[in-house]
Amino acid sequence: MKRPVTNFRTPWSGIRRHHLHNAVPFAQAREEIVALLEGKVVVGHSVYNDFEVLNLDHPGHMVRDTSSARLLSRLAGFPRGRCLSLKLLASKLLSRTIQVRAGRRGHCSVEDAQAALDLYKLVEGEWEQEMERRLRDDEDDGSAPHEPGHSSSDHYMQDEFWPDEVLADAL
């Protein structure tokens, strides 16, 4: 069902009314995103919000959400269970200032994605070991099968949809 956008949430999304004039229809965009994400590990910050908007149920063992990562929270010295902002984590753990130009223009999605990936890389080995342990425990008690974890995050940057300058910076 097609519904009008009532709040563009520009300070976070960067989207304004004129961006939707020739936009890909939601159903088509969702279909393309579902196809793109199939079988892939998704690394991001608060990605559950994106999944909810897309009405997408990506397998939990294929999501690395830095907003709820206990490993990052512990590394940053914050109390357990606290959901941390990407801006705060990037500042504390990466010594990087992000989202400073956000204001009325909104966050830069590429800057946010790079920060989330770099945060993930800080604890990648431990995170993947924990995921493998959880998945083995789930298999032992009859839970759904899973795909194997990845030992290196290099493959996350090999995506045709990343801008060339982002890929160049990653190499």
C-alpha atoms as a PDB file:
ATOM      1  CA  MET A   1       0.000   0.000   0.000  1.00  0.00           C
ATOM      2  CA  LYS A   2       1.422   3.360  -1.025  1.00  0.00           C
ATOM      3  CA  ARG A   3       1.412   5.966   1.728  1.00  0.00           C
ATOM      4  CA  PRO A   4       2.745   9.522   1.738  1.00  0.00           C
ATOM      5  CA  VAL A   5       5.927  10.322   3.648  1.00  0.00           C
ATOM      6  CA  THR A   6       4.994  12.468   6.624  1.00  0.00           C
ATOM      7  CA  ASN A   7       8.426  12.883   8.192  1.00  0.00           C
ATOM      8  CA  PHE A   8      11.642  12.661   6.215  1.00  0.00           C
ATOM      9  CA  ARG A   9      13.761  12.650   9.409  1.00  0.00           C
ATOM     10  CA  THR A  10      16.227  14.771   7.453  1.00  0.00           C
ATOM     11  CA  PRO A  11      18.636  15.369  10.358  1.00  0.00           C
ATOM     12  CA  TRP A  12      19.315  11.608  10.375  1.00  0.00           C
ATOM     13  CA  SER A  13      18.483  10.476   6.855  1.00  0.00           C
ATOM     14  CA  GLY A  14      19.592  13.463   4.796  1.00  0.00           C
ATOM     15  CA  ILE A  15      16.487  12.896   2.665  1.00  0.00           C
ATOM     16  CA  ARG A  16      14.299  15.801   1.534  1.00  0.00           C
ATOM     17  CA  ARG A  17      11.050  15.859  -0.430  1.00  0.00           C
ATOM     18  CA  HIS A  18      12.785  16.540  -3.779  1.00  0.00           C
ATOM     19  CA  HIS A  19      14.861  13.358  -3.398  1.00  0.00           C
ATOM     20  CA  LEU A  20      11.712  11.275  -3.809  1.00  0.00           C
ATOM     21  CA  HIS A  21      10.454  12.886  -7.027  1.00  0.00           C
ATOM     22  CA  ASN A  22      12.112  10.327  -9.308  1.00  0.00           C
ATOM     23  CA  ALA A  23      12.868   7.717  -6.668  1.00  0.00           C
ATOM     24  CA  VAL A  24      12.667   3.991  -7.223  1.00  0.00           C
ATOM     25  CA  PRO A  25       9.290   2.734  -5.901  1.00  0.00           C
ATOM     26  CA  PHE A  26       9.508   1.235  -2.414  1.00  0.00           C
ATOM     27  CA  ALA A  27       8.502  -2.279  -3.490  1.00  0.00           C
ATOM     28  CA  GLN A  28      11.201  -2.352  -6.167  1.00  0.00           C
ATOM     29  CA  ALA A  29      13.838  -0.919  -3.801  1.00  0.00           C
ATOM     30  CA  ARG A  30      12.914  -3.465  -1.127  1.00  0.00           C
ATOM     31  CA  GLU A  31      13.129  -6.312  -3.635  1.00  0.00           C
ATOM     32  CA  GLU A  32      16.578  -5.174  -4.758  1.00  0.00           C
ATOM     33  CA  ILE A  33      17.762  -4.831  -1.144  1.00  0.00           C
ATOM     34  CA  VAL A  34      16.466  -8.281  -0.220  1.00  0.00           C
ATOM     35  CA  ALA A  35      18.317  -9.778  -3.189  1.00  0.00           C
ATOM     36  CA  LEU A  36      21.475  -7.847  -2.355  1.00  0.00           C
ATOM     37  CA  LEU A  37      21.513  -8.942   1.297  1.00  0.00           C
ATOM     38  CA  GLU A  38      20.659 -12.596   0.733  1.00  0.00           C
ATOM     39  CA  GLY A  39      23.347 -14.773   2.255  1.00  0.00           C
ATOM     40  CA  LYS A  40      25.416 -11.792   3.385  1.00  0.00           C
ATOM     41  CA  VAL A  41      26.491 -10.619   6.795  1.00  0.00           C
ATOM     42  CA  VAL A  42      25.174  -7.108   7.434  1.00  0.00           C
ATOM     43  CA  VAL A  43      27.395  -4.798   9.480  1.00  0.00           C
ATOM     44  CA  GLY A  44      25.872  -1.541  10.662  1.00  0.00           C
ATOM     45  CA  HIS A  45      24.615   0.528  13.552  1.00  0.00           C
ATOM     46  CA  SER A  46      21.013   0.183  14.708  1.00  0.00           C
ATOM     47  CA  VAL A  47      20.244  -1.787  11.554  1.00  0.00           C
ATOM     48  CA  TYR A  48      17.093  -3.147  13.189  1.00  0.00           C
ATOM     49  CA  ASN A  49      15.518   0.238  12.332  1.00  0.00           C
ATOM     50  CA  ASP A  50      16.326  -0.253   8.656  1.00  0.00           C
ATOM     51  CA  PHE A  51      15.076  -3.838   8.716  1.00  0.00           C
ATOM     52  CA  GLU A  52      11.839  -2.710  10.365  1.00  0.00           C
ATOM     53  CA  VAL A  53      11.189  -0.032   7.742  1.00  0.00           C
ATOM     54  CA  LEU A  54      11.864  -2.566   4.997  1.00  0.00           C
ATOM     55  CA  ASN A  55       9.742  -5.218   6.724  1.00  0.00           C
ATOM     56  CA  LEU A  56      12.781  -7.443   6.428  1.00  0.00           C
ATOM     57  CA  ASP A  57      13.692 -10.320   8.712  1.00  0.00           C
ATOM     58  CA  HIS A  58      17.410 -10.846   8.116  1.00  0.00           C
ATOM     59  CA  PRO A  59      18.769 -13.870  10.018  1.00  0.00           C
ATOM     60  CA  GLY A  60      20.176 -12.782  13.380  1.00  0.00           C
ATOM     61  CA  HIS A  61      23.361 -14.789  12.907  1.00  0.00           C
ATOM     62  CA  MET A  62      24.020 -12.718   9.784  1.00  0.00           C
ATOM     63  CA  VAL A  63      23.813  -9.315  11.522  1.00  0.00           C
ATOM     64  CA  ARG A  64      26.634  -7.456  13.261  1.00  0.00           C
ATOM     65  CA  ASP A  65      24.932  -4.466  14.891  1.00  0.00           C
ATOM     66  CA  THR A  66      27.418  -2.169  16.602  1.00  0.00           C
ATOM     67  CA  SER A  67      24.681  -0.420  18.600  1.00  0.00           C
ATOM     68  CA  SER A  68      24.166  -3.462  20.794  1.00  0.00           C
ATOM     69  CA  ALA A  69      27.617  -5.044  20.749  1.00  0.00           C
ATOM     70  CA  ARG A  70      28.654  -5.864  24.308  1.00  0.00           C
ATOM     71  CA  LEU A  71      32.239  -6.191  23.119  1.00  0.00           C
ATOM     72  CA  LEU A  72      32.318  -2.577  21.941  1.00  0.00           C
ATOM     73  CA  SER A  73      30.520  -1.310  25.018  1.00  0.00           C
ATOM     74  CA  ARG A  74      33.029  -3.088  27.255  1.00  0.00           C
ATOM     75  CA  LEU A  75      35.983  -1.859  25.178  1.00  0.00           C
ATOM     76  CA  ALA A  76      34.691   1.713  25.474  1.00  0.00           C
ATOM     77  CA  GLY A  77      34.251   1.303  29.227  1.00  0.00           C
ATOM     78  CA  PHE A  78      30.479   1.715  29.298  1.00  0.00           C
ATOM     79  CA  PRO A  79      28.030  -0.190  31.488  1.00  0.00           C
ATOM     80  CA  ARG A  80      26.571  -3.415  30.130  1.00  0.00           C
ATOM     81  CA  GLY A  81      23.290  -3.101  28.270  1.00  0.00           C
ATOM     82  CA  ARG A  82      23.683   0.536  27.331  1.00  0.00           C
ATOM     83  CA  CYS A  83      22.797   1.196  23.684  1.00  0.00           C
ATOM     84  CA  LEU A  84      25.488   3.528  22.404  1.00  0.00           C
ATOM     85  CA  SER A  85      25.329   6.060  19.619  1.00  0.00           C
ATOM     86  CA  LEU A  86      27.561   5.594  16.608  1.00  0.00           C
ATOM     87  CA  LYS A  87      28.927   9.093  17.140  1.00  0.00           C
ATOM     88  CA  LEU A  88      29.974   8.291  20.722  1.00  0.00           C
ATOM     89  CA  LEU A  89      31.505   4.919  19.836  1.00  0.00           C
ATOM     90  CA  ALA A  90      33.447   6.409  16.914  1.00  0.00           C
ATOM     91  CA  SER A  91      34.762   9.175  19.131  1.00  0.00           C
ATOM     92  CA  LYS A  92      35.736   6.914  22.013  1.00  0.00           C
ATOM     93  CA  LEU A  93      37.095   3.885  20.137  1.00  0.00           C
ATOM     94  CA  LEU A  94      38.224   5.241  16.763  1.00  0.00           C
ATOM     95  CA  SER A  95      39.215   8.766  17.855  1.00  0.00           C
ATOM     96  CA  ARG A  96      37.052   9.894  14.947  1.00  0.00           C
ATOM     97  CA  THR A  97      34.566  12.727  14.861  1.00  0.00           C
ATOM     98  CA  ILE A  98      31.540  11.871  12.725  1.00  0.00           C
ATOM     99  CA  GLN A  99      28.133  13.381  12.055  1.00  0.00           C
ATOM    100  CA  VAL A 100      29.408  16.929  12.621  1.00  0.00           C
ATOM    101  CA  ARG A 101      27.980  18.247   9.370  1.00  0.00           C
ATOM    102  CA  ALA A 102      24.687  16.488   9.950  1.00  0.00           C
ATOM    103  CA  GLY A 103      22.535  19.385  11.111  1.00  0.00           C
ATOM    104  CA  ARG A 104      19.915  20.182   8.516  1.00  0.00           C
ATOM    105  CA  ARG A 105      21.627  18.129   5.793  1.00  0.00           C
ATOM    106  CA  GLY A 106      21.520  14.855   7.694  1.00  0.00           C
ATOM    107  CA  HIS A 107      24.067  12.153   8.383  1.00  0.00           C
ATOM    108  CA  CYS A 108      26.347  10.932   5.649  1.00  0.00           C
ATOM    109  CA  SER A 109      25.381   7.284   5.215  1.00  0.00           C
ATOM    110  CA  VAL A 110      28.818   6.390   3.825  1.00  0.00           C
ATOM    111  CA  GLU A 111      30.593   8.000   6.799  1.00  0.00           C
ATOM    112  CA  ASP A 112      28.275   6.147   9.196  1.00  0.00           C
ATOM    113  CA  ALA A 113      28.777   2.831   7.382  1.00  0.00           C
ATOM    114  CA  GLN A 114      32.564   3.225   7.420  1.00  0.00           C
ATOM    115  CA  ALA A 115      32.512   3.996  11.149  1.00  0.00           C
ATOM    116  CA  ALA A 116      30.308   0.968  11.893  1.00  0.00           C
ATOM    117  CA  LEU A 117      32.582  -1.298   9.844  1.00  0.00           C
ATOM    118  CA  ASP A 118      35.712   0.069  11.517  1.00  0.00           C
ATOM    119  CA  LEU A 119      34.134  -0.488  14.946  1.00  0.00           C
ATOM    120  CA  TYR A 120      33.279  -4.040  13.967  1.00  0.00           C
ATOM    121  CA  LYS A 121      36.866  -4.624  12.838  1.00  0.00           C
ATOM    122  CA  LEU A 122      38.126  -3.636  16.304  1.00  0.00           C
ATOM    123  CA  VAL A 123      36.444  -6.679  17.841  1.00  0.00           C
ATOM    124  CA  GLU A 124      35.935  -8.849  14.762  1.00  0.00           C
ATOM    125  CA  GLY A 125      37.886 -11.889  15.911  1.00  0.00           C
ATOM    126  CA  GLU A 126      36.259 -12.040  19.330  1.00  0.00           C
ATOM    127  CA  TRP A 127      32.805 -11.265  17.877  1.00  0.00           C
ATOM    128  CA  GLU A 128      33.037 -14.011  15.270  1.00  0.00           C
ATOM    129  CA  GLN A 129      34.282 -16.517  17.844  1.00  0.00           C
ATOM    130  CA  GLU A 130      31.324 -15.624  20.065  1.00  0.00           C
ATOM    131  CA  MET A 131      28.926 -15.994  17.115  1.00  0.00           C
ATOM    132  CA  GLU A 132      30.400 -19.382  16.198  1.00  0.00           C
ATOM    133  CA  ARG A 133      30.081 -20.535  19.813  1.00  0.00           C
ATOM    134  CA  ARG A 134      26.444 -19.400  19.954  1.00  0.00           C
ATOM    135  CA  LEU A 135      25.652 -21.075  16.652  1.00  0.00           C
ATOM    136  CA  ARG A 136      27.265 -24.329  17.754  1.00  0.00           C
ATOM    137  CA  ASP A 137      25.231 -24.190  20.973  1.00  0.00           C
ATOM    138  CA  ASP A 138      22.076 -23.589  18.904  1.00  0.00           C
ATOM    139  CA  GLU A 139      22.894 -26.536  16.637  1.00  0.00           C
ATOM    140  CA  ASP A 140      23.493 -28.742  19.654  1.00  0.00           C
ATOM    141  CA  ASP A 141      20.009 -27.994  20.963  1.00  0.00           C
ATOM    142  CA  GLY A 142      18.289 -28.455  17.587  1.00  0.00           C
ATOM    143  CA  SER A 143      17.994 -24.834  16.454  1.00  0.00           C
ATOM    144  CA  ALA A 144      18.078 -23.804  12.791  1.00  0.00           C
ATOM    145  CA  PRO A 145      21.218 -24.426  10.750  1.00  0.00           C
ATOM    146  CA  HIS A 146      23.530 -21.545  10.001  1.00  0.00           C
ATOM    147  CA  GLU A 147      26.100 -20.376   7.554  1.00  0.00           C
ATOM    148  CA  PRO A 148      29.733 -20.358   8.641  1.00  0.00           C
ATOM    149  CA  GLY A 149      31.253 -17.192  10.029  1.00  0.00           C
ATOM    150  CA  HIS A 150      33.900 -15.179   8.248  1.00  0.00           C
ATOM    151  CA  SER A 151      37.466 -14.975   9.459  1.00  0.00           C
ATOM    152  CA  SER A 152      38.226 -11.658   7.772  1.00  0.00           C
ATOM    153  CA  SER A 153      36.193  -8.520   7.167  1.00  0.00           C
ATOM    154  CA  ASP A 154      37.982  -7.704   3.895  1.00  0.00           C
ATOM    155  CA  HIS A 155      35.078  -9.087   1.884  1.00  0.00           C
ATOM    156  CA  TYR A 156      32.657  -6.539   3.412  1.00  0.00           C
ATOM    157  CA  MET A 157      34.218  -3.744   1.385  1.00  0.00           C
ATOM    158  CA  GLN A 158      33.994  -5.616  -1.918  1.00  0.00           C
ATOM    159  CA  ASP A 159      30.554  -4.419  -2.904  1.00  0.00           C
ATOM    160  CA  GLU A 160      29.586  -2.937  -6.241  1.00  0.00           C
ATOM    161  CA  PHE A 161      27.310  -0.394  -4.567  1.00  0.00           C
ATOM    162  CA  TRP A 162      30.012   1.382  -2.529  1.00  0.00           C
ATOM    163  CA  PRO A 163      31.238   4.613  -4.127  1.00  0.00           C
ATOM    164  CA  ASP A 164      34.666   4.347  -5.779  1.00  0.00           C
ATOM    165  CA  GLU A 165      36.255   6.793  -3.311  1.00  0.00           C
ATOM    166  CA  VAL A 166      35.151   4.612  -0.390  1.00  0.00           C
ATOM    167  CA  LEU A 167      36.658   1.511  -1.952  1.00  0.00           C
ATOM    168  CA  ALA A 168      39.888   3.405  -2.721  1.00  0.00           C
ATOM    169  CA  ASP A 169      40.171   4.533   0.917  1.00  0.00           C
ATOM    170  CA  ALA A 170      39.711   0.958   2.126  1.00  0.00           C
ATOM    171  CA  LEU A 171      42.559  -0.473   0.091  1.00  0.00           C
END
